[in-house]
Protein backbone atom coordinates (compact mmCIF):
# COMPACT_ATOMS: atom_id res chain seq x y z
CA UNK A 1 -26.91 45.54 16.14
CA UNK A 2 -24.33 45.63 13.40
CA UNK A 3 -23.95 48.98 11.70
CA UNK A 4 -26.01 49.08 8.50
CA UNK A 5 -23.15 50.68 6.60
CA UNK A 6 -20.85 47.82 7.54
CA UNK A 7 -23.47 45.26 6.60
CA UNK A 8 -23.97 46.95 3.23
CA UNK A 9 -20.23 46.93 2.65
CA UNK A 10 -20.10 43.21 3.41
CA UNK A 11 -22.93 42.46 1.01
CA UNK A 12 -21.32 44.54 -1.74
CA UNK A 13 -18.04 42.74 -1.16
CA UNK A 14 -19.75 39.40 -1.57
CA UNK A 15 -21.58 40.46 -4.71
CA UNK A 16 -18.61 42.21 -6.29
CA UNK A 17 -16.03 39.58 -5.37
CA UNK A 18 -13.53 39.15 -8.19
CA UNK A 19 -10.96 36.55 -9.15
CA UNK A 20 -7.42 37.85 -9.52
CA UNK A 21 -4.74 36.30 -11.67
CA UNK A 22 -4.69 35.30 -15.35
CA UNK A 23 -7.56 33.24 -16.73
CA UNK A 24 -6.58 30.04 -18.52
CA UNK A 25 -7.39 30.05 -22.22
CA UNK A 26 -5.90 26.69 -23.18
CA UNK A 27 -2.47 25.45 -24.09
CA UNK A 28 -0.31 27.39 -26.58
CA UNK A 29 -0.31 26.38 -30.21
CA UNK A 30 2.50 23.95 -31.09
CA UNK A 31 3.44 22.24 -34.39
CA UNK A 32 1.08 24.32 -36.52
CA UNK A 33 2.49 22.99 -39.82
CA UNK A 34 1.96 19.34 -38.91
CA UNK A 35 -1.54 20.02 -37.63
CA UNK A 36 -2.42 21.99 -40.75
CA UNK A 37 -1.16 19.15 -42.98
CA UNK A 38 -3.40 16.67 -41.15
CA UNK A 39 -0.78 13.90 -41.19
CA UNK A 40 2.65 13.05 -39.86
CA UNK A 41 5.55 14.03 -42.14
CA UNK A 42 6.54 10.45 -42.97
CA UNK A 43 3.17 8.71 -42.87
CA UNK A 44 2.74 6.17 -45.66
CA UNK A 45 0.09 3.89 -47.10
CA UNK A 46 0.46 1.43 -44.22
CA UNK A 47 -1.39 3.89 -42.00
CA UNK A 48 -5.13 4.32 -42.30
CA UNK A 49 -6.77 7.47 -40.93
CA UNK A 50 -9.38 5.68 -38.87
CA UNK A 51 -10.10 5.77 -35.15
CA UNK A 52 -7.84 3.25 -33.38
CA UNK A 53 -9.11 0.48 -31.19
CA UNK A 54 -8.46 1.01 -27.49
CA UNK A 55 -7.09 -2.50 -26.93
CA UNK A 56 -4.74 -2.37 -29.91
CA UNK A 57 -2.81 -5.50 -28.85
CA UNK A 58 -5.91 -7.62 -29.57
CA UNK A 59 -5.26 -7.02 -33.25
CA UNK A 60 -2.33 -9.43 -32.97
CA UNK A 61 -4.76 -12.31 -32.36
CA UNK A 62 -2.84 -13.95 -29.47
CA UNK A 63 -5.06 -14.93 -26.54
CA UNK A 64 -2.13 -15.56 -24.20
CA UNK A 65 -0.84 -12.06 -24.92
CA UNK A 66 -4.30 -10.57 -24.32
CA UNK A 67 -4.51 -12.31 -20.94
CA UNK A 68 -1.04 -11.09 -19.94
CA UNK A 69 -1.81 -7.47 -20.79
CA UNK A 70 -5.08 -7.58 -18.87
CA UNK A 71 -3.34 -9.14 -15.86
CA UNK A 72 -0.64 -6.46 -15.97
CA UNK A 73 -3.17 -3.61 -16.17
CA UNK A 74 -4.92 -5.07 -13.15
CA UNK A 75 -2.10 -6.21 -10.87
CA UNK A 76 1.03 -4.27 -11.84
CA UNK A 77 2.51 -2.28 -8.92
CA UNK A 78 3.15 0.62 -11.31
CA UNK A 79 -0.55 0.87 -12.13
CA UNK A 80 -1.52 0.56 -8.49
CA UNK A 81 0.95 3.32 -7.65
CA UNK A 82 -0.55 5.58 -10.33
CA UNK A 83 -4.04 4.82 -8.99
CA UNK A 84 -2.89 5.80 -5.49
CA UNK A 85 -1.51 9.10 -6.81
CA UNK A 86 -4.84 9.73 -8.53
CA UNK A 87 -6.75 9.15 -5.29
CA UNK A 88 -4.31 11.42 -3.50
CA UNK A 89 -4.80 14.25 -5.99
CA UNK A 90 -8.58 13.88 -5.82
CA UNK A 91 -8.42 14.03 -2.04
CA UNK A 92 -6.42 17.24 -2.37
CA UNK A 93 -9.14 18.66 -4.62
CA UNK A 94 -11.86 17.75 -2.11
CA UNK A 95 -9.81 19.38 0.65
CA UNK A 96 -9.52 22.63 -1.33
CA UNK A 97 -13.24 22.59 -2.07
CA UNK A 98 -13.98 22.10 1.63
CA UNK A 99 -11.76 25.08 2.52
CA UNK A 100 -14.17 27.35 0.66
CA UNK A 101 -17.08 26.29 2.83
CA UNK A 102 -18.01 27.58 6.33
CA UNK A 103 -16.53 25.83 9.35
CA UNK A 104 -18.78 24.88 12.23
CA UNK A 105 -17.76 23.44 15.58
CA UNK A 106 -19.76 22.52 18.66
CA UNK A 107 -18.83 21.67 22.22
CA UNK A 108 -20.72 20.85 25.38
CA UNK A 109 -19.52 21.10 28.98
CA UNK A 110 -20.91 19.86 32.27
CA UNK A 111 -19.47 21.73 35.26
CA UNK A 112 -19.87 20.62 38.91
CA UNK A 113 -18.43 22.89 41.60
CA UNK A 114 -18.62 23.71 45.29
CA UNK A 115 -17.82 27.11 46.89
CA UNK A 116 -15.21 27.19 49.67
CA UNK A 117 -16.08 27.28 53.41
CA UNK A 118 -15.64 30.96 54.32
CA UNK A 119 -15.54 30.26 58.08
CA UNK A 120 -12.18 28.61 57.73
CA UNK A 121 -10.88 31.76 56.09
CA UNK A 122 -12.42 34.42 58.44
CA UNK A 123 -12.49 32.52 61.75
CA UNK A 124 -16.18 33.27 62.18
CA UNK A 125 -19.03 30.89 62.88
CA UNK A 126 -21.06 32.08 59.93
CA UNK A 127 -21.50 28.56 58.58
CA UNK A 128 -20.01 26.31 55.93
CA UNK A 129 -19.77 26.81 52.19
CA UNK A 130 -22.46 26.21 49.63
CA UNK A 131 -23.17 22.70 48.46
CA UNK A 132 -22.18 21.37 45.00
CA UNK A 133 -23.55 23.34 42.05
CA UNK A 134 -24.16 21.73 38.58
CA UNK A 135 -23.74 23.92 35.53
CA UNK A 136 -24.27 23.04 31.84
CA UNK A 137 -22.81 24.83 28.82
CA UNK A 138 -23.39 24.36 25.05
CA UNK A 139 -21.54 26.39 22.47
CA UNK A 140 -21.60 26.58 18.64
CA UNK A 141 -18.86 28.39 16.70
CA UNK A 142 -18.98 29.19 12.98
CA UNK A 143 -16.47 30.90 10.72
CA UNK A 144 -16.18 31.57 7.02
CA UNK A 145 -13.46 33.29 5.08
CA UNK A 146 -15.17 35.15 2.24
CA UNK A 147 -13.37 34.49 -1.06
CA UNK A 148 -13.43 38.16 -2.03
CA UNK A 149 -10.59 38.03 -4.56
CA UNK A 150 -10.80 34.44 -5.74
CA UNK A 151 -7.80 32.97 -3.96
CA UNK A 152 -9.77 29.93 -2.87
CA UNK A 153 -11.37 29.56 -6.28
CA UNK A 154 -7.96 29.63 -7.91
CA UNK A 155 -6.70 26.99 -5.45
CA UNK A 156 -9.65 24.76 -6.35
CA UNK A 157 -8.97 25.37 -10.05
CA UNK A 158 -5.31 24.39 -9.58
CA UNK A 159 -6.21 21.26 -7.58
CA UNK A 160 -8.81 20.22 -10.16
CA UNK A 161 -6.28 20.52 -12.99
CA UNK A 162 -3.73 18.55 -10.96
CA UNK A 163 -6.30 15.78 -10.44
CA UNK A 164 -6.93 15.69 -14.20
CA UNK A 165 -3.16 15.47 -14.74
CA UNK A 166 -2.97 12.52 -12.36
CA UNK A 167 -5.69 10.76 -14.34
CA UNK A 168 -3.71 11.35 -17.53
CA UNK A 169 -0.59 10.01 -15.78
CA UNK A 170 -2.53 6.85 -14.99
CA UNK A 171 -3.50 6.49 -18.64
CA UNK A 172 0.12 7.06 -19.65
CA UNK A 173 1.26 4.35 -17.24
CA UNK A 174 -1.24 1.98 -18.87
CA UNK A 175 0.07 2.85 -22.34
CA UNK A 176 3.67 2.26 -21.29
CA UNK A 177 2.84 -0.98 -19.50
CA UNK A 178 0.82 -2.49 -22.35
CA UNK A 179 3.64 -1.82 -24.80
CA UNK A 180 6.25 -3.25 -22.43
CA UNK A 181 4.23 -6.45 -21.94
CA UNK A 182 3.84 -6.88 -25.70
CA UNK A 183 7.54 -6.33 -26.30
CA UNK A 184 8.57 -8.70 -23.50
CA UNK A 185 6.17 -11.35 -24.82
CA UNK A 186 7.58 -10.96 -28.33
CA UNK A 187 11.11 -11.33 -26.96
CA UNK A 188 10.05 -14.57 -25.28
CA UNK A 189 8.48 -16.07 -28.40
CA UNK A 190 11.41 -14.87 -30.52
CA UNK A 191 13.93 -16.60 -28.26
CA UNK A 192 11.85 -19.75 -28.05
CA UNK A 193 11.56 -19.86 -31.85
CA UNK A 194 15.29 -19.39 -32.30
CA UNK A 195 15.96 -22.11 -29.72
CA UNK A 196 13.66 -24.46 -31.64
CA UNK A 197 15.56 -23.57 -34.82
CA UNK A 198 18.87 -24.33 -33.10
CA UNK A 199 17.55 -27.73 -31.97
CA UNK A 200 16.18 -28.57 -35.42
CA UNK A 201 19.42 -27.52 -37.07
CA UNK A 202 21.47 -29.53 -34.54
CA UNK A 203 19.35 -32.62 -35.27
CA UNK A 204 19.94 -32.22 -39.00
CA UNK A 205 23.66 -31.69 -38.50
CA UNK A 206 23.81 -34.76 -36.26
CA UNK A 207 22.37 -36.80 -39.13
CA UNK A 208 24.95 -35.37 -41.48
CA UNK A 209 27.69 -36.12 -38.92
CA UNK A 210 26.55 -39.75 -38.79
CA UNK A 211 26.63 -39.89 -42.58
CA UNK A 212 30.12 -38.37 -42.66
CA UNK A 213 31.40 -40.85 -40.08
CA UNK A 214 30.04 -43.71 -42.20
CA UNK A 215 31.72 -42.25 -45.27
CA UNK A 216 34.95 -41.83 -43.30
CA UNK A 217 34.86 -45.47 -42.28
CA UNK A 218 34.46 -46.44 -45.93
CA UNK A 219 37.32 -44.18 -46.88
CA UNK A 220 35.13 -41.86 -48.94
CA UNK A 221 35.40 -38.85 -46.56
CA UNK A 222 38.56 -37.47 -44.98
CA UNK A 223 39.27 -36.80 -41.31
CA UNK A 224 39.27 -33.09 -42.14
CA UNK A 225 35.72 -33.30 -43.44
CA UNK A 226 34.66 -35.17 -40.32
CA UNK A 227 36.20 -32.48 -38.10
CA UNK A 228 34.52 -29.72 -40.10
CA UNK A 229 31.07 -31.28 -39.68
CA UNK A 230 31.72 -31.91 -35.98
CA UNK A 231 32.76 -28.27 -35.47
CA UNK A 232 29.62 -27.09 -37.26
CA UNK A 233 27.42 -29.18 -34.96
CA UNK A 234 29.21 -27.99 -31.80
CA UNK A 235 28.95 -24.37 -32.94
CA UNK A 236 25.20 -24.75 -33.39
CA UNK A 237 24.77 -26.49 -30.02
CA UNK A 238 26.75 -23.73 -28.28
CA UNK A 239 23.93 -21.31 -29.03
CA UNK A 240 21.46 -23.17 -26.83
CA UNK A 241 22.66 -22.04 -23.40
CA UNK A 242 22.55 -18.26 -24.07
CA UNK A 243 19.07 -18.62 -25.55
CA UNK A 244 17.86 -20.65 -22.57
CA UNK A 245 19.15 -17.95 -20.21
CA UNK A 246 17.41 -15.25 -22.26
CA UNK A 247 14.14 -17.21 -22.17
CA UNK A 248 14.29 -17.31 -18.35
CA UNK A 249 14.97 -13.57 -18.38
CA UNK A 250 11.88 -12.94 -20.54
CA UNK A 251 9.69 -15.13 -18.33
CA UNK A 252 10.80 -13.29 -15.20
CA UNK A 253 10.29 -9.90 -16.85
CA UNK A 254 6.74 -10.81 -17.86
CA UNK A 255 5.97 -12.09 -14.37
CA UNK A 256 7.12 -8.84 -12.75
CA UNK A 257 5.22 -6.72 -15.29
CA UNK A 258 2.09 -8.70 -14.39
CA UNK A 259 2.65 -8.15 -10.68
CA UNK A 260 3.70 -11.75 -10.00
CA UNK A 261 6.79 -13.38 -8.58
CA UNK A 262 9.55 -14.54 -10.96
CA UNK A 263 8.87 -18.10 -12.05
CA UNK A 264 5.08 -17.99 -11.71
CA UNK A 265 4.54 -17.84 -15.48
CA UNK A 266 7.10 -20.51 -16.41
CA UNK A 267 4.67 -23.44 -16.71
CA UNK A 268 2.05 -21.31 -18.45
CA UNK A 269 4.39 -19.96 -21.14
CA UNK A 270 6.95 -22.77 -21.42
CA UNK A 271 5.44 -24.23 -24.58
CA UNK A 272 6.68 -22.31 -27.66
CA UNK A 273 4.10 -20.82 -30.01
CA UNK A 274 4.38 -18.93 -33.26
CA UNK A 275 5.00 -15.22 -33.17
CA UNK A 276 1.80 -13.17 -33.60
CA UNK A 277 1.16 -11.59 -36.99
CA UNK A 278 0.80 -7.83 -37.32
CA UNK A 279 -2.34 -6.53 -39.07
CA UNK A 280 -2.08 -5.42 -42.68
CA UNK A 281 -3.01 -1.81 -41.87
CA UNK A 282 -2.21 0.28 -38.80
CA UNK A 283 -5.17 2.43 -37.69
CA UNK A 284 -3.65 5.87 -37.28
CA UNK A 285 -5.52 9.04 -36.40
CA UNK A 286 -4.39 12.44 -37.64
CA UNK A 287 -1.89 14.48 -35.55
CA UNK A 288 -4.59 16.65 -34.00
CA UNK A 289 -6.44 13.56 -32.77
CA UNK A 290 -3.15 12.13 -31.49
CA UNK A 291 -2.47 15.28 -29.47
CA UNK A 292 -5.85 14.89 -27.81
CA UNK A 293 -5.41 11.19 -27.09
CA UNK A 294 -1.79 10.90 -25.98
CA UNK A 295 -1.85 10.86 -22.16
CA UNK A 296 1.48 12.57 -21.49
CA UNK A 297 0.37 15.55 -23.61
CA UNK A 298 -2.90 15.76 -21.69
CA UNK A 299 -0.99 15.55 -18.41
CA UNK A 300 1.36 18.37 -19.47
CA UNK A 301 -1.59 20.53 -20.52
CA UNK A 302 -3.36 19.99 -17.21
CA UNK A 303 -0.19 20.80 -15.28
CA UNK A 304 0.03 24.03 -17.26
CA UNK A 305 -3.55 24.87 -16.30
CA UNK A 306 -2.75 24.14 -12.65
CA UNK A 307 0.36 26.34 -12.72
CA UNK A 308 -1.61 29.17 -14.30
CA UNK A 309 -4.26 29.00 -11.55
CA UNK A 310 -1.59 29.08 -8.83
CA UNK A 311 -0.61 32.59 -9.95
CA UNK A 312 -4.06 33.90 -9.00
CA UNK A 313 -3.94 31.96 -5.74
CA UNK A 314 -0.72 33.77 -4.80
CA UNK A 315 -1.89 37.18 -6.04
CA UNK A 316 -4.93 37.01 -3.76
CA UNK A 317 -2.55 37.36 -0.79
CA UNK A 318 -1.99 40.98 -1.83
CA UNK A 319 -5.56 41.89 -0.91
CA UNK A 320 -7.51 42.05 2.36
CA UNK A 321 -9.19 38.94 3.73
CA UNK A 322 -12.65 39.08 5.21
CA UNK A 323 -13.77 36.50 7.74
CA UNK A 324 -17.20 36.15 9.29
CA UNK A 325 -17.24 34.60 12.74
CA UNK A 326 -20.21 33.83 14.92
CA UNK A 327 -20.84 32.20 18.25
CA UNK A 328 -24.05 30.89 19.80
CA UNK A 329 -23.93 29.72 23.41
CA UNK A 330 -26.34 28.42 26.07
CA UNK A 331 -25.87 27.95 29.81
CA UNK A 332 -28.19 26.69 32.54
CA UNK A 333 -28.16 24.90 35.86
CA UNK A 334 -30.52 22.22 34.55
CA UNK A 335 -30.17 20.28 31.30
CA UNK A 336 -33.85 20.76 30.54
CA UNK A 337 -33.43 24.55 30.72
CA UNK A 338 -30.28 24.68 28.59
CA UNK A 339 -31.79 25.76 25.28
CA UNK A 340 -34.29 28.28 26.62
CA UNK A 341 -34.24 31.59 24.85
CA UNK A 342 -33.32 33.54 27.98
CA UNK A 343 -30.26 31.34 28.58
CA UNK A 344 -28.69 32.00 25.20
CA UNK A 345 -25.98 34.42 24.08
CA UNK A 346 -24.80 35.14 20.55
CA UNK A 347 -21.98 37.00 18.89
CA UNK A 348 -21.43 37.98 15.22
CA UNK A 349 -18.02 39.36 14.32
CA UNK A 350 -16.86 40.38 10.84
CA UNK A 351 -13.07 40.53 10.72
CA UNK A 352 -10.97 42.24 8.05
CA UNK A 353 -7.24 41.51 7.91
CA UNK A 354 -4.64 42.86 5.53
CA UNK A 355 -0.95 42.15 5.55
CA UNK A 356 -0.05 45.53 4.11
CA UNK A 357 3.67 45.33 4.86
CA UNK A 358 5.23 41.96 4.03
CA UNK A 359 8.59 43.13 2.65
CA UNK A 360 8.00 41.51 -0.76
CA UNK A 361 7.01 38.03 0.37
CA UNK A 362 3.83 37.95 -1.71
CA UNK A 363 5.61 39.46 -4.72
CA UNK A 364 8.24 36.73 -4.47
CA UNK A 365 5.61 33.99 -4.29
CA UNK A 366 3.83 35.48 -7.34
CA UNK A 367 7.11 35.61 -9.27
CA UNK A 368 7.74 31.99 -8.34
CA UNK A 369 4.26 30.98 -9.51
CA UNK A 370 4.71 32.83 -12.81
CA UNK A 371 8.06 31.13 -13.34
CA UNK A 372 6.37 27.78 -12.63
CA UNK A 373 3.74 28.62 -15.25
CA UNK A 374 6.42 29.50 -17.80
CA UNK A 375 8.25 26.25 -17.04
CA UNK A 376 5.02 24.25 -17.46
CA UNK A 377 4.36 25.99 -20.77
CA UNK A 378 7.85 25.17 -22.05
CA UNK A 379 7.44 21.61 -20.81
CA UNK A 380 4.14 21.30 -22.67
CA UNK A 381 5.74 22.49 -25.90
CA UNK A 382 8.61 20.03 -25.42
CA UNK A 383 6.23 17.12 -24.76
CA UNK A 384 4.22 17.88 -27.91
CA UNK A 385 7.29 18.13 -30.13
CA UNK A 386 8.79 14.95 -28.69
CA UNK A 387 5.47 13.15 -29.12
CA UNK A 388 5.31 14.12 -32.79
CA UNK A 389 8.93 13.08 -33.25
CA UNK A 390 8.34 9.72 -31.55
CA UNK A 391 5.24 9.06 -33.62
CA UNK A 392 6.88 10.03 -36.91
CA UNK A 393 10.07 8.06 -36.16
CA UNK A 394 8.15 5.01 -34.98
CA UNK A 395 5.93 5.07 -38.05
CA UNK A 396 8.93 5.35 -40.36
CA UNK A 397 10.77 2.55 -38.57
CA UNK A 398 7.70 0.32 -38.69
CA UNK A 399 7.16 0.91 -42.41
CA UNK A 400 10.80 0.15 -43.25
CA UNK A 401 10.77 -2.95 -41.08
CA UNK A 402 7.75 -4.30 -42.94
CA UNK A 403 9.71 -4.00 -46.17
CA UNK A 404 12.73 -5.59 -44.51
CA UNK A 405 10.67 -8.57 -43.33
CA UNK A 406 9.44 -9.22 -46.87
CA UNK A 407 13.04 -9.28 -48.08
CA UNK A 408 14.16 -11.52 -45.19
CA UNK A 409 11.45 -14.06 -46.01
CA UNK A 410 12.53 -14.17 -49.63
CA UNK A 411 16.12 -14.74 -48.53
CA UNK A 412 15.01 -17.48 -46.14
CA UNK A 413 13.07 -19.29 -48.86
CA UNK A 414 15.97 -19.06 -51.30
CA UNK A 415 18.59 -20.22 -48.79
CA UNK A 416 16.34 -23.09 -47.71
CA UNK A 417 16.04 -24.32 -51.26
CA UNK A 418 19.78 -23.99 -51.78
CA UNK A 419 20.55 -25.89 -48.56
CA UNK A 420 18.20 -28.74 -49.49
CA UNK A 421 19.79 -29.13 -52.93
CA UNK A 422 23.31 -29.00 -51.52
CA UNK A 423 22.45 -31.52 -48.82
CA UNK A 424 21.13 -33.97 -51.42
CA UNK A 425 24.23 -33.48 -53.53
CA UNK A 426 26.42 -34.02 -50.45
CA UNK A 427 24.64 -37.27 -49.67
CA UNK A 428 25.14 -38.34 -53.26
CA UNK A 429 28.82 -37.41 -53.10
CA UNK A 430 28.62 -34.70 -55.75
CA UNK A 431 29.12 -31.78 -53.33
CA UNK A 432 31.98 -31.17 -50.92
CA UNK A 433 31.72 -30.82 -47.18
CA UNK A 434 32.58 -27.14 -47.45
CA UNK A 435 29.73 -26.67 -49.96
CA UNK A 436 27.30 -28.27 -47.56
CA UNK A 437 28.63 -26.35 -44.54
CA UNK A 438 28.36 -23.04 -46.38
CA UNK A 439 24.81 -23.81 -47.52
CA UNK A 440 23.73 -24.87 -44.03
CA UNK A 441 25.35 -21.84 -42.44
CA UNK A 442 23.58 -19.55 -44.91
CA UNK A 443 20.22 -21.26 -44.33
CA UNK A 444 20.58 -21.11 -40.55
CA UNK A 445 21.53 -17.42 -40.60
CA UNK A 446 18.64 -16.62 -42.96
CA UNK A 447 16.09 -18.34 -40.68
CA UNK A 448 17.55 -16.65 -37.63
CA UNK A 449 17.38 -13.26 -39.35
CA UNK A 450 13.79 -13.85 -40.48
CA UNK A 451 12.67 -14.79 -36.95
CA UNK A 452 14.45 -11.75 -35.51
CA UNK A 453 12.94 -9.59 -38.26
CA UNK A 454 9.41 -10.76 -37.44
CA UNK A 455 10.05 -10.10 -33.76
CA UNK A 456 11.44 -6.64 -34.48
CA UNK A 457 8.41 -5.82 -36.61
CA UNK A 458 6.14 -6.76 -33.69
CA UNK A 459 8.19 -4.64 -31.29
CA UNK A 460 8.08 -1.73 -33.73
CA UNK A 461 4.32 -2.24 -33.94
CA UNK A 462 4.10 -1.95 -30.15
CA UNK A 463 6.46 1.04 -30.12
CA UNK A 464 4.28 2.79 -32.70
CA UNK A 465 1.16 2.40 -30.58
CA UNK A 466 3.12 3.49 -27.54
CA UNK A 467 4.27 6.61 -29.40
CA UNK A 468 0.70 7.34 -30.49
CA UNK A 469 -0.51 6.99 -26.91
CA UNK A 470 -3.11 4.41 -27.86
CA UNK A 471 -4.64 1.72 -25.70
CA UNK A 472 -5.20 3.99 -22.71
CA UNK A 473 -8.29 3.87 -20.58
CA UNK A 474 -9.69 6.11 -17.87
């Protein structure tokens, strides 16, 4: 029988078990002024304080783009890698939870033996040894380390927070990937549009070159004018090859982002289409909502919670550890008699261990855990501040680019009208070759700038959503 005093002490230990280490009360307060204001410092009327759509890229109204983003979120190696890390962290959590449960093992043995022939040892004629004897054994072992001071509970708490951080990392990978696909797609359509502009301009300049050659043959135009028009055409045509190379680069980038081999999207995306149009209003939540939604902030907060729990896990090593061990065994010469009551033995052993003299090892591990917590806290503060900076900068850049695009379109319209008038005057012989070349060069540059401006606005739109951490999914 186990001493009643010892049993009472064990029960009291179980009932009064405590959890050492600091409790987690949430992340520290960061950017109080911005949160109190309820808006980003440079937010303007282009931003509406409404809940954003998860699939923000669908607001661009481009079905090919929607299909590419969905394919990337499904097949990208980066997403699959993040999913694997999430499964790994969840497996670690399940392992920690299992460590807090009792352990039970069982084994069975069948023993067949024969005693030696004693007559060969003593020289007597007393007879041979005993015949073969069959013996059966069954044994069950159980052990459980009582979590008296919460070390196991803290380990589970740390593993749970790490699993949550891995889930946030997955969401962050989805945010980054969606924005990268949108930006790569915009680059492709931008380059295709500029290549189409180069071809259209080269066709027009070829017509003007033919006209100039005819005028030269009639003696109306000089050789210098002919050379000037020829140079203009060759300069325009020289821009084709770099653009073609950039288009191949964009196609390969999109293929890799979607988890496909380079070249697999060429036929699908070879036909140029217009650049998507950004919506009139950007749905933008307030800073407090952004801090809750942005995945990298959630990941940093969960890592802070995990680091805080690890302090208690290390501090528990300062205190005694209580283990309960038991054994139940049966033995018999016949299998049918194995589990009879008279053939059983049992053992119950409480064991108390305490590493009272460790020469500062536990103290060092606690100091290391506390330093890790302080680092995680500083990292969280840095992530929040950088997130607010990214969001504010992206919003400002997007707003200014919208204004810039309006101006670029006005310039394009004006230069187009001027080029048309000058071209008609050139055909009629009332404008010089230099007048026409200057007007065409201005028109071409204005159209190029407008296309690039539209593309930059789309990329700023994607960068803004990336900075806000939108489009993520669990």
